[in-house]
């Protein structure tokens, strides 16, 4: 638990900030080029239905259409959660290589009895001191290509703050290299620059590129580092 705490604190701080407020006039002045597609390989838990997956991607693609982008889901399969905490899920994803058909890798987290108990705990803490501890998703920062979201909500306190669709849209921006900011101008420019990398001569033609939040170019899968997931 002590080893996990720093990751939990980091995820809490990461989640409790915003991608930014939209600036329509600014966005409409930026050229995002022709429509481009990228493939999102998906792992889901047993209680996530095909309809829920389809609905989530429909909402995400509606947002992506602002930038002439479309995410194509590739469902790799159903699996049990590799650990209770978000750090466990992210650690698993970072030990999983992107295959030739994957540009991004996303894990859809469901809802277990343990999650329900934790929801009750976090509800009590929120009611008592006004702090919301529950984390709904995260994206790793090494390549900004792998992340997870909580894809099934139930409690009122969760829905007051967010939803599976808004969580996927939020983390989806991180999967395109966006960081956190008050307004979206920097994110718009980052997405434009990611799309410009499609013409980079060093890019693997079978890979949709990325820019990390620090500005590092990710032009091929060999740059997406794999870490051993050792307890």
Protein backbone atom coordinates (compact mmCIF):
# COMPACT_ATOMS: atom_id res chain seq x y z
CA UNK A 1 0.00 0.00 0.00
CA UNK A 2 2.83 2.42 0.84
CA UNK A 3 4.34 1.84 -2.60
CA UNK A 4 0.99 2.53 -4.23
CA UNK A 5 0.21 5.74 -2.31
CA UNK A 6 2.45 8.10 -4.34
CA UNK A 7 0.78 6.88 -7.54
CA UNK A 8 -2.65 7.41 -6.01
CA UNK A 9 -1.72 10.93 -4.97
CA UNK A 10 -0.38 11.67 -8.45
CA UNK A 11 -3.56 10.30 -10.08
CA UNK A 12 -5.71 12.36 -7.70
CA UNK A 13 -3.93 15.58 -8.63
CA UNK A 14 -3.93 14.63 -12.32
CA UNK A 15 -7.62 13.90 -12.38
CA UNK A 16 -8.76 16.91 -10.36
CA UNK A 17 -7.74 19.40 -13.01
CA UNK A 18 -9.39 20.19 -16.31
CA UNK A 19 -8.49 19.93 -19.97
CA UNK A 20 -9.82 23.48 -20.29
CA UNK A 21 -12.77 25.51 -21.47
CA UNK A 22 -13.58 25.49 -25.17
CA UNK A 23 -12.83 28.60 -27.24
CA UNK A 24 -14.95 28.22 -30.36
CA UNK A 25 -13.67 31.33 -32.15
CA UNK A 26 -10.05 30.29 -31.57
CA UNK A 27 -10.68 26.71 -32.68
CA UNK A 28 -12.41 27.73 -35.89
CA UNK A 29 -9.37 29.76 -36.95
CA UNK A 30 -7.16 26.65 -36.82
CA UNK A 31 -6.96 24.28 -39.79
CA UNK A 32 -7.07 20.62 -38.76
CA UNK A 33 -6.80 19.31 -42.31
CA UNK A 34 -8.65 16.33 -43.70
CA UNK A 35 -10.34 13.69 -41.57
CA UNK A 36 -7.90 11.20 -40.10
CA UNK A 37 -8.62 7.99 -38.24
CA UNK A 38 -6.73 6.29 -35.45
CA UNK A 39 -7.23 2.83 -33.99
CA UNK A 40 -7.96 2.43 -30.31
CA UNK A 41 -7.40 -1.07 -29.00
CA UNK A 42 -9.72 -1.76 -26.13
CA UNK A 43 -9.70 -4.09 -23.12
CA UNK A 44 -12.87 -4.22 -21.05
CA UNK A 45 -14.15 -5.88 -17.90
CA UNK A 46 -16.95 -8.49 -17.99
CA UNK A 47 -19.75 -6.12 -16.94
CA UNK A 48 -19.13 -3.65 -19.78
CA UNK A 49 -21.58 -4.32 -22.63
CA UNK A 50 -21.03 -3.88 -26.35
CA UNK A 51 -23.74 -1.21 -26.39
CA UNK A 52 -21.99 0.74 -23.64
CA UNK A 53 -18.74 0.58 -25.60
CA UNK A 54 -20.48 1.74 -28.78
CA UNK A 55 -22.21 4.61 -26.96
CA UNK A 56 -18.93 5.76 -25.41
CA UNK A 57 -17.15 5.84 -28.76
CA UNK A 58 -20.08 7.64 -30.37
CA UNK A 59 -19.77 10.41 -27.78
CA UNK A 60 -15.99 10.56 -28.14
CA UNK A 61 -16.17 10.71 -31.92
CA UNK A 62 -18.68 13.54 -31.76
CA UNK A 63 -16.06 15.53 -29.84
CA UNK A 64 -13.25 14.40 -32.16
CA UNK A 65 -15.20 15.60 -35.19
CA UNK A 66 -14.27 19.14 -34.10
CA UNK A 67 -10.73 18.28 -35.21
CA UNK A 68 -11.48 16.12 -38.26
CA UNK A 69 -10.57 13.00 -36.28
CA UNK A 70 -12.25 9.65 -35.70
CA UNK A 71 -11.39 6.90 -33.22
CA UNK A 72 -11.97 3.35 -34.46
CA UNK A 73 -12.40 0.83 -31.62
CA UNK A 74 -10.71 -2.56 -31.86
CA UNK A 75 -11.96 -4.75 -29.02
CA UNK A 76 -9.09 -7.00 -27.99
CA UNK A 77 -11.11 -8.86 -25.41
CA UNK A 78 -12.64 -9.09 -21.94
CA UNK A 79 -10.45 -9.51 -18.88
CA UNK A 80 -10.52 -9.28 -15.12
CA UNK A 81 -8.95 -6.21 -13.58
CA UNK A 82 -5.19 -6.56 -12.99
CA UNK A 83 -5.50 -4.81 -9.61
CA UNK A 84 -7.85 -2.65 -7.58
CA UNK A 85 -6.09 0.69 -7.92
CA UNK A 86 -5.70 2.78 -11.03
CA UNK A 87 -1.94 2.46 -10.64
CA UNK A 88 -2.33 -1.31 -11.10
CA UNK A 89 -4.28 -0.87 -14.32
CA UNK A 90 -1.86 1.69 -15.71
CA UNK A 91 1.08 -0.51 -14.74
CA UNK A 92 -0.48 -3.39 -16.68
CA UNK A 93 -1.06 -1.22 -19.74
CA UNK A 94 2.52 0.03 -19.66
CA UNK A 95 3.73 -3.57 -19.67
CA UNK A 96 1.57 -4.35 -22.74
CA UNK A 97 3.05 -3.54 -26.17
CA UNK A 98 1.06 -1.77 -28.86
CA UNK A 99 0.47 -4.28 -31.63
CA UNK A 100 0.61 -3.37 -35.32
CA UNK A 101 -3.15 -2.73 -35.35
CA UNK A 102 -3.13 -0.41 -32.32
CA UNK A 103 -2.38 3.31 -32.23
CA UNK A 104 -3.70 3.71 -28.69
CA UNK A 105 -4.56 1.26 -25.89
CA UNK A 106 -7.45 1.90 -23.50
CA UNK A 107 -8.86 -0.13 -20.61
CA UNK A 108 -12.55 0.16 -19.69
CA UNK A 109 -12.95 -0.40 -15.96
CA UNK A 110 -16.28 -1.77 -14.72
CA UNK A 111 -17.82 -1.90 -11.27
CA UNK A 112 -17.17 -4.61 -8.67
CA UNK A 113 -18.28 -5.15 -5.07
CA UNK A 114 -14.99 -3.65 -4.00
CA UNK A 115 -15.73 -0.55 -6.07
CA UNK A 116 -19.14 -0.24 -4.42
CA UNK A 117 -17.57 -0.36 -0.96
CA UNK A 118 -15.02 2.25 -1.99
CA UNK A 119 -17.80 4.47 -3.36
CA UNK A 120 -19.51 4.40 0.05
CA UNK A 121 -16.21 5.35 1.70
CA UNK A 122 -15.54 8.21 -0.70
CA UNK A 123 -19.12 9.44 -0.34
CA UNK A 124 -18.63 9.61 3.43
CA UNK A 125 -15.34 11.49 3.06
CA UNK A 126 -16.90 13.91 0.58
CA UNK A 127 -19.85 14.55 2.88
CA UNK A 128 -17.52 15.04 5.84
CA UNK A 129 -14.68 17.17 4.48
CA UNK A 130 -15.64 17.98 0.88
CA UNK A 131 -12.79 16.04 -0.73
CA UNK A 132 -13.54 13.74 -3.67
CA UNK A 133 -11.05 10.87 -3.69
CA UNK A 134 -12.40 8.71 -6.49
CA UNK A 135 -10.33 8.71 -9.68
CA UNK A 136 -12.17 8.12 -12.95
CA UNK A 137 -9.29 7.71 -15.40
CA UNK A 138 -5.67 8.41 -16.27
CA UNK A 139 -3.21 8.35 -19.18
CA UNK A 140 0.49 7.56 -18.87
CA UNK A 141 2.87 10.39 -19.71
CA UNK A 142 5.74 8.51 -21.38
CA UNK A 143 4.01 8.39 -24.77
CA UNK A 144 0.42 9.47 -24.01
CA UNK A 145 -0.79 6.37 -25.85
CA UNK A 146 -2.16 4.20 -23.01
CA UNK A 147 -4.83 4.89 -20.43
CA UNK A 148 -7.96 3.74 -18.66
CA UNK A 149 -11.36 5.09 -17.71
CA UNK A 150 -14.07 4.07 -15.31
CA UNK A 151 -16.73 3.07 -17.82
CA UNK A 152 -19.58 2.24 -15.45
CA UNK A 153 -20.90 4.67 -12.82
CA UNK A 154 -23.74 4.15 -10.41
CA UNK A 155 -23.73 6.50 -7.44
CA UNK A 156 -25.26 9.97 -7.50
CA UNK A 157 -22.05 11.53 -6.20
CA UNK A 158 -20.16 10.21 -9.23
CA UNK A 159 -22.72 11.48 -11.71
CA UNK A 160 -22.70 14.91 -10.08
CA UNK A 161 -19.10 15.34 -11.17
CA UNK A 162 -18.72 13.39 -14.39
CA UNK A 163 -19.92 10.47 -16.51
CA UNK A 164 -18.26 7.66 -18.49
CA UNK A 165 -18.69 9.68 -21.69
CA UNK A 166 -17.15 12.86 -20.30
CA UNK A 167 -14.34 10.82 -18.74
CA UNK A 168 -13.49 9.19 -22.07
CA UNK A 169 -13.55 12.57 -23.80
CA UNK A 170 -11.30 14.02 -21.09
CA UNK A 171 -8.76 11.18 -21.23
CA UNK A 172 -9.10 11.16 -25.01
CA UNK A 173 -7.55 14.61 -25.10
CA UNK A 174 -4.60 13.29 -23.10
CA UNK A 175 -4.27 10.47 -25.66
CA UNK A 176 -3.69 13.22 -28.23
CA UNK A 177 -1.00 14.89 -26.14
CA UNK A 178 -3.06 17.59 -24.45
CA UNK A 179 -2.22 18.57 -20.91
CA UNK A 180 -4.24 20.59 -18.43
CA UNK A 181 -4.93 24.26 -18.96
CA UNK A 182 -7.63 26.82 -18.19
CA UNK A 183 -8.53 27.38 -21.85
CA UNK A 184 -8.23 25.04 -24.82
CA UNK A 185 -6.02 27.07 -27.17
CA UNK A 186 -2.84 25.08 -26.39
CA UNK A 187 -4.73 21.81 -26.79
CA UNK A 188 -6.12 22.84 -30.18
CA UNK A 189 -2.61 23.64 -31.35
CA UNK A 190 -1.29 20.34 -29.99
CA UNK A 191 -3.92 18.35 -31.90
CA UNK A 192 -3.13 20.31 -35.07
CA UNK A 193 0.58 19.54 -34.59
CA UNK A 194 -0.15 15.85 -33.99
CA UNK A 195 -2.01 15.70 -37.30
CA UNK A 196 0.86 17.49 -39.04
CA UNK A 197 3.11 14.62 -37.91
CA UNK A 198 1.20 12.38 -40.33
CA UNK A 199 3.40 13.93 -43.03
CA UNK A 200 6.65 13.42 -41.09
CA UNK A 201 9.01 11.30 -43.26
CA UNK A 202 10.26 9.45 -40.16
CA UNK A 203 6.77 8.31 -39.14
CA UNK A 204 5.81 4.65 -39.35
CA UNK A 205 3.04 4.80 -42.00
CA UNK A 206 1.07 2.20 -40.01
CA UNK A 207 1.02 4.29 -36.83
CA UNK A 208 -0.97 7.36 -35.84
CA UNK A 209 1.63 9.63 -34.24
CA UNK A 210 1.51 11.59 -31.03
CA UNK A 211 3.13 14.40 -29.10
CA UNK A 212 3.56 13.95 -25.38
CA UNK A 213 2.55 16.71 -23.01
CA UNK A 214 6.25 17.64 -22.84
CA UNK A 215 6.44 17.91 -26.66
CA UNK A 216 8.27 14.66 -27.50
CA UNK A 217 7.40 13.23 -30.93
CA UNK A 218 6.08 9.65 -30.93
CA UNK A 219 6.39 8.52 -34.55
CA UNK A 220 6.47 4.73 -34.21
CA UNK A 221 5.63 1.98 -31.74
CA UNK A 222 9.26 1.40 -30.77
CA UNK A 223 9.12 4.74 -28.96
CA UNK A 224 6.28 3.47 -26.79
CA UNK A 225 8.38 1.97 -24.03
CA UNK A 226 7.36 -1.25 -22.30
CA UNK A 227 7.92 -1.56 -18.56
CA UNK A 228 8.06 -4.81 -16.61
CA UNK A 229 5.06 -5.01 -14.28
CA UNK A 230 6.79 -6.61 -11.29
CA UNK A 231 5.23 -6.45 -7.81
